[in-house]
Amino acid sequence: MLDSSPPTQPSQTAAATDPALTQLKTLLTRVLRVTVNDGRIFIGTFAGTDQPLNILLLNAEEYRLGVEENPDGRYVGQIVIPWKIIVTVEGESYRENRQTHDQMFL
């Protein structure tokens, strides 16, 4: 006999209190630096992720490190970076009660 009940989904309150999700939400609209496995670096405004955790950046610029590469980079606009090629994700982290900021590695 087939079960006609709808699939169960995680409760809204469980998702809202998940520390990883809360931390991810704090990064929204922050400028992130994403390094991928071929050495390219993308710097742009974090707009979110999709279900497989690919990263969406807005107003992004691409930089290639090397002697013959353009040091100014190139504007790529909106970009989705596949999670499989991401090596590091960095963003500015502001500490409370301090005037300085440092880098945060995810």
PDB file of N, CA and C in Angstrom:
ATOM      1  N   MET A   1       0.845  -1.169   0.000  1.00  0.00           N
ATOM      2  CA  MET A   1       0.000   0.000   0.000  1.00  0.00           C
ATOM      3  C   MET A   1       0.892   1.234   0.000  1.00  0.00           C
ATOM      4  N   LEU A   2       0.548   2.211  -0.814  1.00  0.00           N
ATOM      5  CA  LEU A   2       1.339   3.427  -0.917  1.00  0.00           C
ATOM      6  C   LEU A   2       0.980   4.408   0.184  1.00  0.00           C
ATOM      7  N   ASP A   3       1.978   5.068   0.698  1.00  0.00           N
ATOM      8  CA  ASP A   3       1.772   6.085   1.732  1.00  0.00           C
ATOM      9  C   ASP A   3       1.549   7.422   1.048  1.00  0.00           C
ATOM     10  N   SER A   4       0.403   8.035   1.271  1.00  0.00           N
ATOM     11  CA  SER A   4       0.085   9.298   0.609  1.00  0.00           C
ATOM     12  C   SER A   4       0.399  10.519   1.468  1.00  0.00           C
ATOM     13  N   SER A   5       1.015  10.318   2.603  1.00  0.00           N
ATOM     14  CA  SER A   5       1.339  11.468   3.452  1.00  0.00           C
ATOM     15  C   SER A   5       2.503  12.250   2.840  1.00  0.00           C
ATOM     16  N   PRO A   6       2.495  13.579   2.998  1.00  0.00           N
ATOM     17  CA  PRO A   6       3.565  14.399   2.425  1.00  0.00           C
ATOM     18  C   PRO A   6       4.896  14.108   3.113  1.00  0.00           C
ATOM     19  N   PRO A   7       6.008  14.288   2.390  1.00  0.00           N
ATOM     20  CA  PRO A   7       7.308  14.045   3.017  1.00  0.00           C
ATOM     21  C   PRO A   7       7.536  14.991   4.183  1.00  0.00           C
ATOM     22  N   THR A   8       8.192  14.479   5.199  1.00  0.00           N
ATOM     23  CA  THR A   8       8.458  15.321   6.362  1.00  0.00           C
ATOM     24  C   THR A   8       9.609  16.266   6.055  1.00  0.00           C
ATOM     25  N   GLN A   9       9.500  17.478   6.568  1.00  0.00           N
ATOM     26  CA  GLN A   9      10.529  18.485   6.368  1.00  0.00           C
ATOM     27  C   GLN A   9      11.009  18.954   7.722  1.00  0.00           C
ATOM     28  N   PRO A  10      12.281  19.401   7.804  1.00  0.00           N
ATOM     29  CA  PRO A  10      12.774  19.907   9.080  1.00  0.00           C
ATOM     30  C   PRO A  10      11.919  21.085   9.536  1.00  0.00           C
ATOM     31  N   SER A  11      11.742  21.178  10.823  1.00  0.00           N
ATOM     32  CA  SER A  11      10.908  22.256  11.341  1.00  0.00           C
ATOM     33  C   SER A  11      11.573  23.602  11.117  1.00  0.00           C
ATOM     34  N   GLN A  12      10.759  24.627  10.968  1.00  0.00           N
ATOM     35  CA  GLN A  12      11.258  25.986  10.765  1.00  0.00           C
ATOM     36  C   GLN A  12      12.090  26.439  11.951  1.00  0.00           C
ATOM     37  N   THR A  13      11.686  26.060  13.153  1.00  0.00           N
ATOM     38  CA  THR A  13      12.427  26.500  14.334  1.00  0.00           C
ATOM     39  C   THR A  13      13.781  25.832  14.427  1.00  0.00           C
ATOM     40  N   ALA A  14      13.881  24.574  14.002  1.00  0.00           N
ATOM     41  CA  ALA A  14      15.179  23.893  14.035  1.00  0.00           C
ATOM     42  C   ALA A  14      16.144  24.557  13.071  1.00  0.00           C
ATOM     43  N   ALA A  15      15.661  24.915  11.876  1.00  0.00           N
ATOM     44  CA  ALA A  15      16.521  25.575  10.895  1.00  0.00           C
ATOM     45  C   ALA A  15      16.912  26.970  11.366  1.00  0.00           C
ATOM     46  N   ALA A  16      16.011  27.643  12.040  1.00  0.00           N
ATOM     47  CA  ALA A  16      16.284  29.005  12.487  1.00  0.00           C
ATOM     48  C   ALA A  16      17.306  29.043  13.612  1.00  0.00           C
ATOM     49  N   THR A  17      17.431  27.962  14.372  1.00  0.00           N
ATOM     50  CA  THR A  17      18.368  27.955  15.493  1.00  0.00           C
ATOM     51  C   THR A  17      19.675  27.228  15.169  1.00  0.00           C
ATOM     52  N   ASP A  18      19.823  26.707  13.967  1.00  0.00           N
ATOM     53  CA  ASP A  18      21.050  26.024  13.569  1.00  0.00           C
ATOM     54  C   ASP A  18      22.201  27.030  13.550  1.00  0.00           C
ATOM     55  N   PRO A  19      23.262  26.807  14.338  1.00  0.00           N
ATOM     56  CA  PRO A  19      24.367  27.772  14.408  1.00  0.00           C
ATOM     57  C   PRO A  19      25.058  28.005  13.066  1.00  0.00           C
ATOM     58  N   ALA A  20      25.183  26.962  12.253  1.00  0.00           N
ATOM     59  CA  ALA A  20      25.834  27.132  10.949  1.00  0.00           C
ATOM     60  C   ALA A  20      25.006  28.036  10.045  1.00  0.00           C
ATOM     61  N   LEU A  21      23.691  27.855  10.064  1.00  0.00           N
ATOM     62  CA  LEU A  21      22.812  28.692   9.256  1.00  0.00           C
ATOM     63  C   LEU A  21      22.826  30.127   9.755  1.00  0.00           C
ATOM     64  N   THR A  22      22.843  30.303  11.059  1.00  0.00           N
ATOM     65  CA  THR A  22      22.907  31.645  11.641  1.00  0.00           C
ATOM     66  C   THR A  22      24.190  32.343  11.226  1.00  0.00           C
ATOM     67  N   GLN A  23      25.309  31.632  11.272  1.00  0.00           N
ATOM     68  CA  GLN A  23      26.588  32.225  10.872  1.00  0.00           C
ATOM     69  C   GLN A  23      26.583  32.565   9.386  1.00  0.00           C
ATOM     70  N   LEU A  24      26.004  31.699   8.572  1.00  0.00           N
ATOM     71  CA  LEU A  24      25.928  31.953   7.138  1.00  0.00           C
ATOM     72  C   LEU A  24      25.106  33.203   6.851  1.00  0.00           C
ATOM     73  N   LYS A  25      24.005  33.380   7.568  1.00  0.00           N
ATOM     74  CA  LYS A  25      23.163  34.560   7.379  1.00  0.00           C
ATOM     75  C   LYS A  25      23.888  35.850   7.733  1.00  0.00           C
ATOM     76  N   THR A  26      24.815  35.795   8.688  1.00  0.00           N
ATOM     77  CA  THR A  26      25.556  37.010   9.051  1.00  0.00           C
ATOM     78  C   THR A  26      26.491  37.451   7.929  1.00  0.00           C
ATOM     79  N   LEU A  27      26.809  36.546   7.018  1.00  0.00           N
ATOM     80  CA  LEU A  27      27.699  36.891   5.905  1.00  0.00           C
ATOM     81  C   LEU A  27      26.977  37.542   4.734  1.00  0.00           C
ATOM     82  N   LEU A  28      25.655  37.478   4.715  1.00  0.00           N
ATOM     83  CA  LEU A  28      24.902  38.080   3.617  1.00  0.00           C
ATOM     84  C   LEU A  28      25.250  39.554   3.484  1.00  0.00           C
ATOM     85  N   THR A  29      25.450  39.993   2.280  1.00  0.00           N
ATOM     86  CA  THR A  29      25.815  41.364   1.878  1.00  0.00           C
ATOM     87  C   THR A  29      27.235  41.757   2.281  1.00  0.00           C
ATOM     88  N   ARG A  30      28.005  40.831   2.815  1.00  0.00           N
ATOM     89  CA  ARG A  30      29.414  41.118   3.121  1.00  0.00           C
ATOM     90  C   ARG A  30      30.273  40.823   1.899  1.00  0.00           C
ATOM     91  N   VAL A  31      31.399  41.495   1.820  1.00  0.00           N
ATOM     92  CA  VAL A  31      32.343  41.231   0.739  1.00  0.00           C
ATOM     93  C   VAL A  31      33.163  39.993   1.105  1.00  0.00           C
ATOM     94  N   LEU A  32      33.168  39.012   0.196  1.00  0.00           N
ATOM     95  CA  LEU A  32      33.917  37.778   0.402  1.00  0.00           C
ATOM     96  C   LEU A  32      35.001  37.643  -0.659  1.00  0.00           C
ATOM     97  N   ARG A  33      36.049  36.954  -0.281  1.00  0.00           N
ATOM     98  CA  ARG A  33      37.138  36.605  -1.203  1.00  0.00           C
ATOM     99  C   ARG A  33      37.140  35.087  -1.308  1.00  0.00           C
ATOM    100  N   VAL A  34      36.879  34.586  -2.513  1.00  0.00           N
ATOM    101  CA  VAL A  34      36.791  33.146  -2.742  1.00  0.00           C
ATOM    102  C   VAL A  34      37.940  32.728  -3.656  1.00  0.00           C
ATOM    103  N   THR A  35      38.758  31.802  -3.180  1.00  0.00           N
ATOM    104  CA  THR A  35      39.859  31.263  -3.977  1.00  0.00           C
ATOM    105  C   THR A  35      39.442  29.893  -4.488  1.00  0.00           C
ATOM    106  N   VAL A  36      39.659  29.655  -5.785  1.00  0.00           N
ATOM    107  CA  VAL A  36      39.287  28.371  -6.370  1.00  0.00           C
ATOM    108  C   VAL A  36      40.544  27.570  -6.715  1.00  0.00           C
ATOM    109  N   ASN A  37      40.347  26.294  -7.026  1.00  0.00           N
ATOM    110  CA  ASN A  37      41.477  25.369  -7.150  1.00  0.00           C
ATOM    111  C   ASN A  37      42.423  25.641  -8.318  1.00  0.00           C
ATOM    112  N   ASP A  38      42.058  26.498  -9.267  1.00  0.00           N
ATOM    113  CA  ASP A  38      42.994  26.834 -10.343  1.00  0.00           C
ATOM    114  C   ASP A  38      43.758  28.127 -10.054  1.00  0.00           C
ATOM    115  N   GLY A  39      43.597  28.663  -8.837  1.00  0.00           N
ATOM    116  CA  GLY A  39      44.353  29.838  -8.421  1.00  0.00           C
ATOM    117  C   GLY A  39      43.635  31.160  -8.602  1.00  0.00           C
ATOM    118  N   ARG A  40      42.495  31.159  -9.282  1.00  0.00           N
ATOM    119  CA  ARG A  40      41.758  32.412  -9.443  1.00  0.00           C
ATOM    120  C   ARG A  40      41.155  32.837  -8.114  1.00  0.00           C
ATOM    121  N   ILE A  41      40.974  34.156  -7.988  1.00  0.00           N
ATOM    122  CA  ILE A  41      40.374  34.730  -6.787  1.00  0.00           C
ATOM    123  C   ILE A  41      39.195  35.586  -7.229  1.00  0.00           C
ATOM    124  N   PHE A  42      38.057  35.388  -6.584  1.00  0.00           N
ATOM    125  CA  PHE A  42      36.870  36.189  -6.855  1.00  0.00           C
ATOM    126  C   PHE A  42      36.556  37.003  -5.612  1.00  0.00           C
ATOM    127  N   ILE A  43      36.341  38.295  -5.799  1.00  0.00           N
ATOM    128  CA  ILE A  43      35.956  39.170  -4.695  1.00  0.00           C
ATOM    129  C   ILE A  43      34.631  39.807  -5.074  1.00  0.00           C
ATOM    130  N   GLY A  44      33.621  39.614  -4.208  1.00  0.00           N
ATOM    131  CA  GLY A  44      32.306  40.158  -4.490  1.00  0.00           C
ATOM    132  C   GLY A  44      31.415  40.103  -3.265  1.00  0.00           C
ATOM    133  N   THR A  45      30.214  40.620  -3.419  1.00  0.00           N
ATOM    134  CA  THR A  45      29.237  40.674  -2.337  1.00  0.00           C
ATOM    135  C   THR A  45      28.484  39.348  -2.259  1.00  0.00           C
ATOM    136  N   PHE A  46      28.505  38.732  -1.080  1.00  0.00           N
ATOM    137  CA  PHE A  46      27.853  37.444  -0.878  1.00  0.00           C
ATOM    138  C   PHE A  46      26.343  37.618  -0.912  1.00  0.00           C
ATOM    139  N   ALA A  47      25.686  36.874  -1.829  1.00  0.00           N
ATOM    140  CA  ALA A  47      24.237  36.959  -1.967  1.00  0.00           C
ATOM    141  C   ALA A  47      23.538  35.689  -1.508  1.00  0.00           C
ATOM    142  N   GLY A  48      24.301  34.624  -1.269  1.00  0.00           N
ATOM    143  CA  GLY A  48      23.684  33.402  -0.779  1.00  0.00           C
ATOM    144  C   GLY A  48      24.288  32.169  -1.411  1.00  0.00           C
ATOM    145  N   THR A  49      23.630  31.037  -1.135  1.00  0.00           N
ATOM    146  CA  THR A  49      24.040  29.754  -1.695  1.00  0.00           C
ATOM    147  C   THR A  49      22.803  29.071  -2.258  1.00  0.00           C
ATOM    148  N   ASP A  50      23.037  28.063  -3.065  1.00  0.00           N
ATOM    149  CA  ASP A  50      21.930  27.224  -3.492  1.00  0.00           C
ATOM    150  C   ASP A  50      21.984  25.932  -2.669  1.00  0.00           C
ATOM    151  N   GLN A  51      21.119  24.981  -2.982  1.00  0.00           N
ATOM    152  CA  GLN A  51      21.044  23.770  -2.162  1.00  0.00           C
ATOM    153  C   GLN A  51      22.356  22.983  -2.110  1.00  0.00           C
ATOM    154  N   PRO A  52      23.101  22.856  -3.235  1.00  0.00           N
ATOM    155  CA  PRO A  52      24.380  22.136  -3.128  1.00  0.00           C
ATOM    156  C   PRO A  52      25.514  22.978  -2.549  1.00  0.00           C
ATOM    157  N   LEU A  53      25.228  24.186  -2.100  1.00  0.00           N
ATOM    158  CA  LEU A  53      26.184  25.098  -1.458  1.00  0.00           C
ATOM    159  C   LEU A  53      27.167  25.755  -2.422  1.00  0.00           C
ATOM    160  N   ASN A  54      26.752  25.929  -3.687  1.00  0.00           N
ATOM    161  CA  ASN A  54      27.509  26.785  -4.584  1.00  0.00           C
ATOM    162  C   ASN A  54      27.348  28.211  -4.074  1.00  0.00           C
ATOM    163  N   ILE A  55      28.363  29.044  -4.234  1.00  0.00           N
ATOM    164  CA  ILE A  55      28.330  30.401  -3.681  1.00  0.00           C
ATOM    165  C   ILE A  55      27.952  31.402  -4.761  1.00  0.00           C
ATOM    166  N   LEU A  56      27.012  32.293  -4.446  1.00  0.00           N
ATOM    167  CA  LEU A  56      26.586  33.346  -5.357  1.00  0.00           C
ATOM    168  C   LEU A  56      27.182  34.670  -4.903  1.00  0.00           C
ATOM    169  N   LEU A  57      27.964  35.295  -5.787  1.00  0.00           N
ATOM    170  CA  LEU A  57      28.542  36.611  -5.516  1.00  0.00           C
ATOM    171  C   LEU A  57      27.970  37.619  -6.502  1.00  0.00           C
ATOM    172  N   LEU A  58      27.747  38.833  -6.024  1.00  0.00           N
ATOM    173  CA  LEU A  58      27.296  39.940  -6.865  1.00  0.00           C
ATOM    174  C   LEU A  58      28.417  40.952  -7.008  1.00  0.00           C
ATOM    175  N   ASN A  59      28.411  41.683  -8.124  1.00  0.00           N
ATOM    176  CA  ASN A  59      29.424  42.713  -8.391  1.00  0.00           C
ATOM    177  C   ASN A  59      30.834  42.165  -8.185  1.00  0.00           C
ATOM    178  N   ALA A  60      31.060  40.973  -8.675  1.00  0.00           N
ATOM    179  CA  ALA A  60      32.329  40.282  -8.437  1.00  0.00           C
ATOM    180  C   ALA A  60      33.394  40.673  -9.453  1.00  0.00           C
ATOM    181  N   GLU A  61      34.628  40.584  -8.995  1.00  0.00           N
ATOM    182  CA  GLU A  61      35.787  40.766  -9.857  1.00  0.00           C
ATOM    183  C   GLU A  61      36.645  39.518  -9.753  1.00  0.00           C
ATOM    184  N   GLU A  62      37.273  39.153 -10.870  1.00  0.00           N
ATOM    185  CA  GLU A  62      38.125  37.972 -10.932  1.00  0.00           C
ATOM    186  C   GLU A  62      39.577  38.417 -11.037  1.00  0.00           C
ATOM    187  N   TYR A  63      40.423  37.795 -10.250  1.00  0.00           N
ATOM    188  CA  TYR A  63      41.857  38.086 -10.279  1.00  0.00           C
ATOM    189  C   TYR A  63      42.606  36.795 -10.545  1.00  0.00           C
ATOM    190  N   ARG A  64      43.602  36.889 -11.416  1.00  0.00           N
ATOM    191  CA  ARG A  64      44.496  35.762 -11.693  1.00  0.00           C
ATOM    192  C   ARG A  64      45.881  36.197 -11.275  1.00  0.00           C
ATOM    193  N   LEU A  65      46.513  35.398 -10.464  1.00  0.00           N
ATOM    194  CA  LEU A  65      47.847  35.734  -9.999  1.00  0.00           C
ATOM    195  C   LEU A  65      48.876  35.182 -10.969  1.00  0.00           C
ATOM    196  N   GLY A  66      49.812  36.025 -11.334  1.00  0.00           N
ATOM    197  CA  GLY A  66      50.864  35.590 -12.239  1.00  0.00           C
ATOM    198  C   GLY A  66      51.554  36.794 -12.844  1.00  0.00           C
ATOM    199  N   VAL A  67      52.720  36.559 -13.411  1.00  0.00           N
ATOM    200  CA  VAL A  67      53.531  37.641 -13.966  1.00  0.00           C
ATOM    201  C   VAL A  67      52.830  38.322 -15.132  1.00  0.00           C
ATOM    202  N   GLU A  68      52.219  37.554 -16.014  1.00  0.00           N
ATOM    203  CA  GLU A  68      51.623  38.127 -17.216  1.00  0.00           C
ATOM    204  C   GLU A  68      50.131  38.409 -17.068  1.00  0.00           C
ATOM    205  N   GLU A  69      49.592  38.305 -15.895  1.00  0.00           N
ATOM    206  CA  GLU A  69      48.165  38.534 -15.674  1.00  0.00           C
ATOM    207  C   GLU A  69      47.894  39.998 -15.359  1.00  0.00           C
ATOM    208  N   ASN A  70      46.667  40.423 -15.596  1.00  0.00           N
ATOM    209  CA  ASN A  70      46.244  41.792 -15.313  1.00  0.00           C
ATOM    210  C   ASN A  70      46.099  41.964 -13.802  1.00  0.00           C
ATOM    211  N   PRO A  71      46.906  42.823 -13.182  1.00  0.00           N
ATOM    212  CA  PRO A  71      46.825  42.985 -11.722  1.00  0.00           C
ATOM    213  C   PRO A  71      45.537  43.672 -11.267  1.00  0.00           C
ATOM    214  N   ASP A  72      44.836  44.329 -12.198  1.00  0.00           N
ATOM    215  CA  ASP A  72      43.596  45.020 -11.849  1.00  0.00           C
ATOM    216  C   ASP A  72      42.389  44.093 -11.866  1.00  0.00           C
ATOM    217  N   GLY A  73      42.554  42.894 -12.389  1.00  0.00           N
ATOM    218  CA  GLY A  73      41.447  41.957 -12.449  1.00  0.00           C
ATOM    219  C   GLY A  73      40.456  42.326 -13.532  1.00  0.00           C
ATOM    220  N   ARG A  74      39.342  41.608 -13.554  1.00  0.00           N
ATOM    221  CA  ARG A  74      38.282  41.919 -14.518  1.00  0.00           C
ATOM    222  C   ARG A  74      36.927  41.749 -13.850  1.00  0.00           C
ATOM    223  N   TYR A  75      36.006  42.613 -14.230  1.00  0.00           N
ATOM    224  CA  TYR A  75      34.661  42.589 -13.671  1.00  0.00           C
ATOM    225  C   TYR A  75      33.888  41.432 -14.289  1.00  0.00           C
ATOM    226  N   VAL A  76      33.313  40.576 -13.453  1.00  0.00           N
ATOM    227  CA  VAL A  76      32.506  39.462 -13.953  1.00  0.00           C
ATOM    228  C   VAL A  76      31.045  39.581 -13.534  1.00  0.00           C
ATOM    229  N   GLY A  77      30.719  40.552 -12.691  1.00  0.00           N
ATOM    230  CA  GLY A  77      29.332  40.766 -12.288  1.00  0.00           C
ATOM    231  C   GLY A  77      28.828  39.707 -11.336  1.00  0.00           C
ATOM    232  N   GLN A  78      27.699  39.093 -11.702  1.00  0.00           N
ATOM    233  CA  GLN A  78      27.104  38.050 -10.861  1.00  0.00           C
ATOM    234  C   GLN A  78      27.694  36.705 -11.260  1.00  0.00           C
ATOM    235  N   ILE A  79      28.109  35.934 -10.270  1.00  0.00           N
ATOM    236  CA  ILE A  79      28.753  34.654 -10.564  1.00  0.00           C
ATOM    237  C   ILE A  79      28.358  33.614  -9.519  1.00  0.00           C
ATOM    238  N   VAL A  80      28.152  32.398  -9.992  1.00  0.00           N
ATOM    239  CA  VAL A  80      27.934  31.255  -9.104  1.00  0.00           C
ATOM    240  C   VAL A  80      29.202  30.416  -9.160  1.00  0.00           C
ATOM    241  N   ILE A  81      29.803  30.199  -7.999  1.00  0.00           N
ATOM    242  CA  ILE A  81      31.047  29.439  -7.925  1.00  0.00           C
ATOM    243  C   ILE A  81      30.721  28.045  -7.387  1.00  0.00           C
ATOM    244  N   PRO A  82      31.002  27.008  -8.183  1.00  0.00           N
ATOM    245  CA  PRO A  82      30.699  25.641  -7.736  1.00  0.00           C
ATOM    246  C   PRO A  82      31.480  25.270  -6.476  1.00  0.00           C
ATOM    247  N   TRP A  83      30.811  24.666  -5.522  1.00  0.00           N
ATOM    248  CA  TRP A  83      31.455  24.314  -4.247  1.00  0.00           C
ATOM    249  C   TRP A  83      32.622  23.364  -4.449  1.00  0.00           C
ATOM    250  N   LYS A  84      32.584  22.550  -5.501  1.00  0.00           N
ATOM    251  CA  LYS A  84      33.638  21.554  -5.720  1.00  0.00           C
ATOM    252  C   LYS A  84      34.994  22.176  -6.036  1.00  0.00           C
ATOM    253  N   ILE A  85      35.017  23.410  -6.542  1.00  0.00           N
ATOM    254  CA  ILE A  85      36.302  24.020  -6.903  1.00  0.00           C
ATOM    255  C   ILE A  85      36.769  25.049  -5.878  1.00  0.00           C
ATOM    256  N   ILE A  86      35.987  25.280  -4.829  1.00  0.00           N
ATOM    257  CA  ILE A  86      36.344  26.286  -3.823  1.00  0.00           C
ATOM    258  C   ILE A  86      37.414  25.738  -2.887  1.00  0.00           C
ATOM    259  N   VAL A  87      38.468  26.543  -2.700  1.00  0.00           N
ATOM    260  CA  VAL A  87      39.551  26.178  -1.790  1.00  0.00           C
ATOM    261  C   VAL A  87      39.391  26.912  -0.466  1.00  0.00           C
ATOM    262  N   THR A  88      39.205  28.236  -0.518  1.00  0.00           N
ATOM    263  CA  THR A  88      38.992  29.025   0.702  1.00  0.00           C
ATOM    264  C   THR A  88      37.944  30.100   0.459  1.00  0.00           C
ATOM    265  N   VAL A  89      37.271  30.467   1.530  1.00  0.00           N
ATOM    266  CA  VAL A  89      36.340  31.595   1.532  1.00  0.00           C
ATOM    267  C   VAL A  89      36.755  32.482   2.687  1.00  0.00           C
ATOM    268  N   GLU A  90      37.003  33.754   2.399  1.00  0.00           N
ATOM    269  CA  GLU A  90      37.434  34.695   3.428  1.00  0.00           C
ATOM    270  C   GLU A  90      36.501  35.896   3.418  1.00  0.00           C
ATOM    271  N   GLY A  91      36.291  36.449   4.595  1.00  0.00           N
ATOM    272  CA  GLY A  91      35.481  37.645   4.717  1.00  0.00           C
ATOM    273  C   GLY A  91      35.969  38.493   5.859  1.00  0.00           C
ATOM    274  N   GLU A  92      35.624  39.752   5.829  1.00  0.00           N
ATOM    275  CA  GLU A  92      36.019  40.633   6.924  1.00  0.00           C
ATOM    276  C   GLU A  92      35.220  40.280   8.163  1.00  0.00           C
ATOM    277  N   SER A  93      35.903  40.208   9.279  1.00  0.00           N
ATOM    278  CA  SER A  93      35.271  39.915  10.554  1.00  0.00           C
ATOM    279  C   SER A  93      35.520  41.085  11.487  1.00  0.00           C
ATOM    280  N   TYR A  94      34.465  41.671  11.980  1.00  0.00           N
ATOM    281  CA  TYR A  94      34.597  42.809  12.884  1.00  0.00           C
ATOM    282  C   TYR A  94      34.377  42.338  14.310  1.00  0.00           C
ATOM    283  N   ARG A  95      35.355  42.566  15.147  1.00  0.00           N
ATOM    284  CA  ARG A  95      35.236  42.163  16.550  1.00  0.00           C
ATOM    285  C   ARG A  95      34.589  43.281  17.353  1.00  0.00           C
ATOM    286  N   GLU A  96      33.759  42.877  18.297  1.00  0.00           N
ATOM    287  CA  GLU A  96      33.108  43.859  19.156  1.00  0.00           C
ATOM    288  C   GLU A  96      34.137  44.564  20.031  1.00  0.00           C
ATOM    289  N   ASN A  97      33.865  45.818  20.336  1.00  0.00           N
ATOM    290  CA  ASN A  97      34.695  46.635  21.222  1.00  0.00           C
ATOM    291  C   ASN A  97      36.116  46.831  20.698  1.00  0.00           C
ATOM    292  N   ARG A  98      36.310  46.717  19.415  1.00  0.00           N
ATOM    293  CA  ARG A  98      37.622  46.945  18.819  1.00  0.00           C
ATOM    294  C   ARG A  98      37.456  47.811  17.586  1.00  0.00           C
ATOM    295  N   GLN A  99      38.460  48.597  17.294  1.00  0.00           N
ATOM    296  CA  GLN A  99      38.436  49.434  16.109  1.00  0.00           C
ATOM    297  C   GLN A  99      39.041  48.720  14.902  1.00  0.00           C
ATOM    298  N   THR A 100      39.728  47.621  15.119  1.00  0.00           N
ATOM    299  CA  THR A 100      40.391  46.920  14.022  1.00  0.00           C
ATOM    300  C   THR A 100      39.558  45.740  13.564  1.00  0.00           C
ATOM    301  N   HIS A 101      39.878  45.263  12.397  1.00  0.00           N
ATOM    302  CA  HIS A 101      39.231  44.046  11.911  1.00  0.00           C
ATOM    303  C   HIS A 101      40.301  43.114  11.374  1.00  0.00           C
ATOM    304  N   ASP A 102      39.976  41.841  11.333  1.00  0.00           N
ATOM    305  CA  ASP A 102      40.916  40.856  10.825  1.00  0.00           C
ATOM    306  C   ASP A 102      40.192  39.933   9.858  1.00  0.00           C
ATOM    307  N   GLN A 103      40.899  39.007   9.297  1.00  0.00           N
ATOM    308  CA  GLN A 103      40.310  38.083   8.336  1.00  0.00           C
ATOM    309  C   GLN A 103      39.715  36.875   9.052  1.00  0.00           C
ATOM    310  N   MET A 104      38.609  36.410   8.544  1.00  0.00           N
ATOM    311  CA  MET A 104      37.965  35.222   9.070  1.00  0.00           C
ATOM    312  C   MET A 104      38.005  34.160   7.981  1.00  0.00           C
ATOM    313  N   PHE A 105      38.416  32.973   8.319  1.00  0.00           N
ATOM    314  CA  PHE A 105      38.460  31.878   7.365  1.00  0.00           C
ATOM    315  C   PHE A 105      37.320  30.933   7.664  1.00  0.00           C
ATOM    316  N   LEU A 106      36.550  30.602   6.653  1.00  0.00           N
ATOM    317  CA  LEU A 106      35.426  29.681   6.816  1.00  0.00           C
ATOM    318  C   LEU A 106      35.847  28.279   6.488  1.00  0.00           C
TER     319      LEU A 106
END
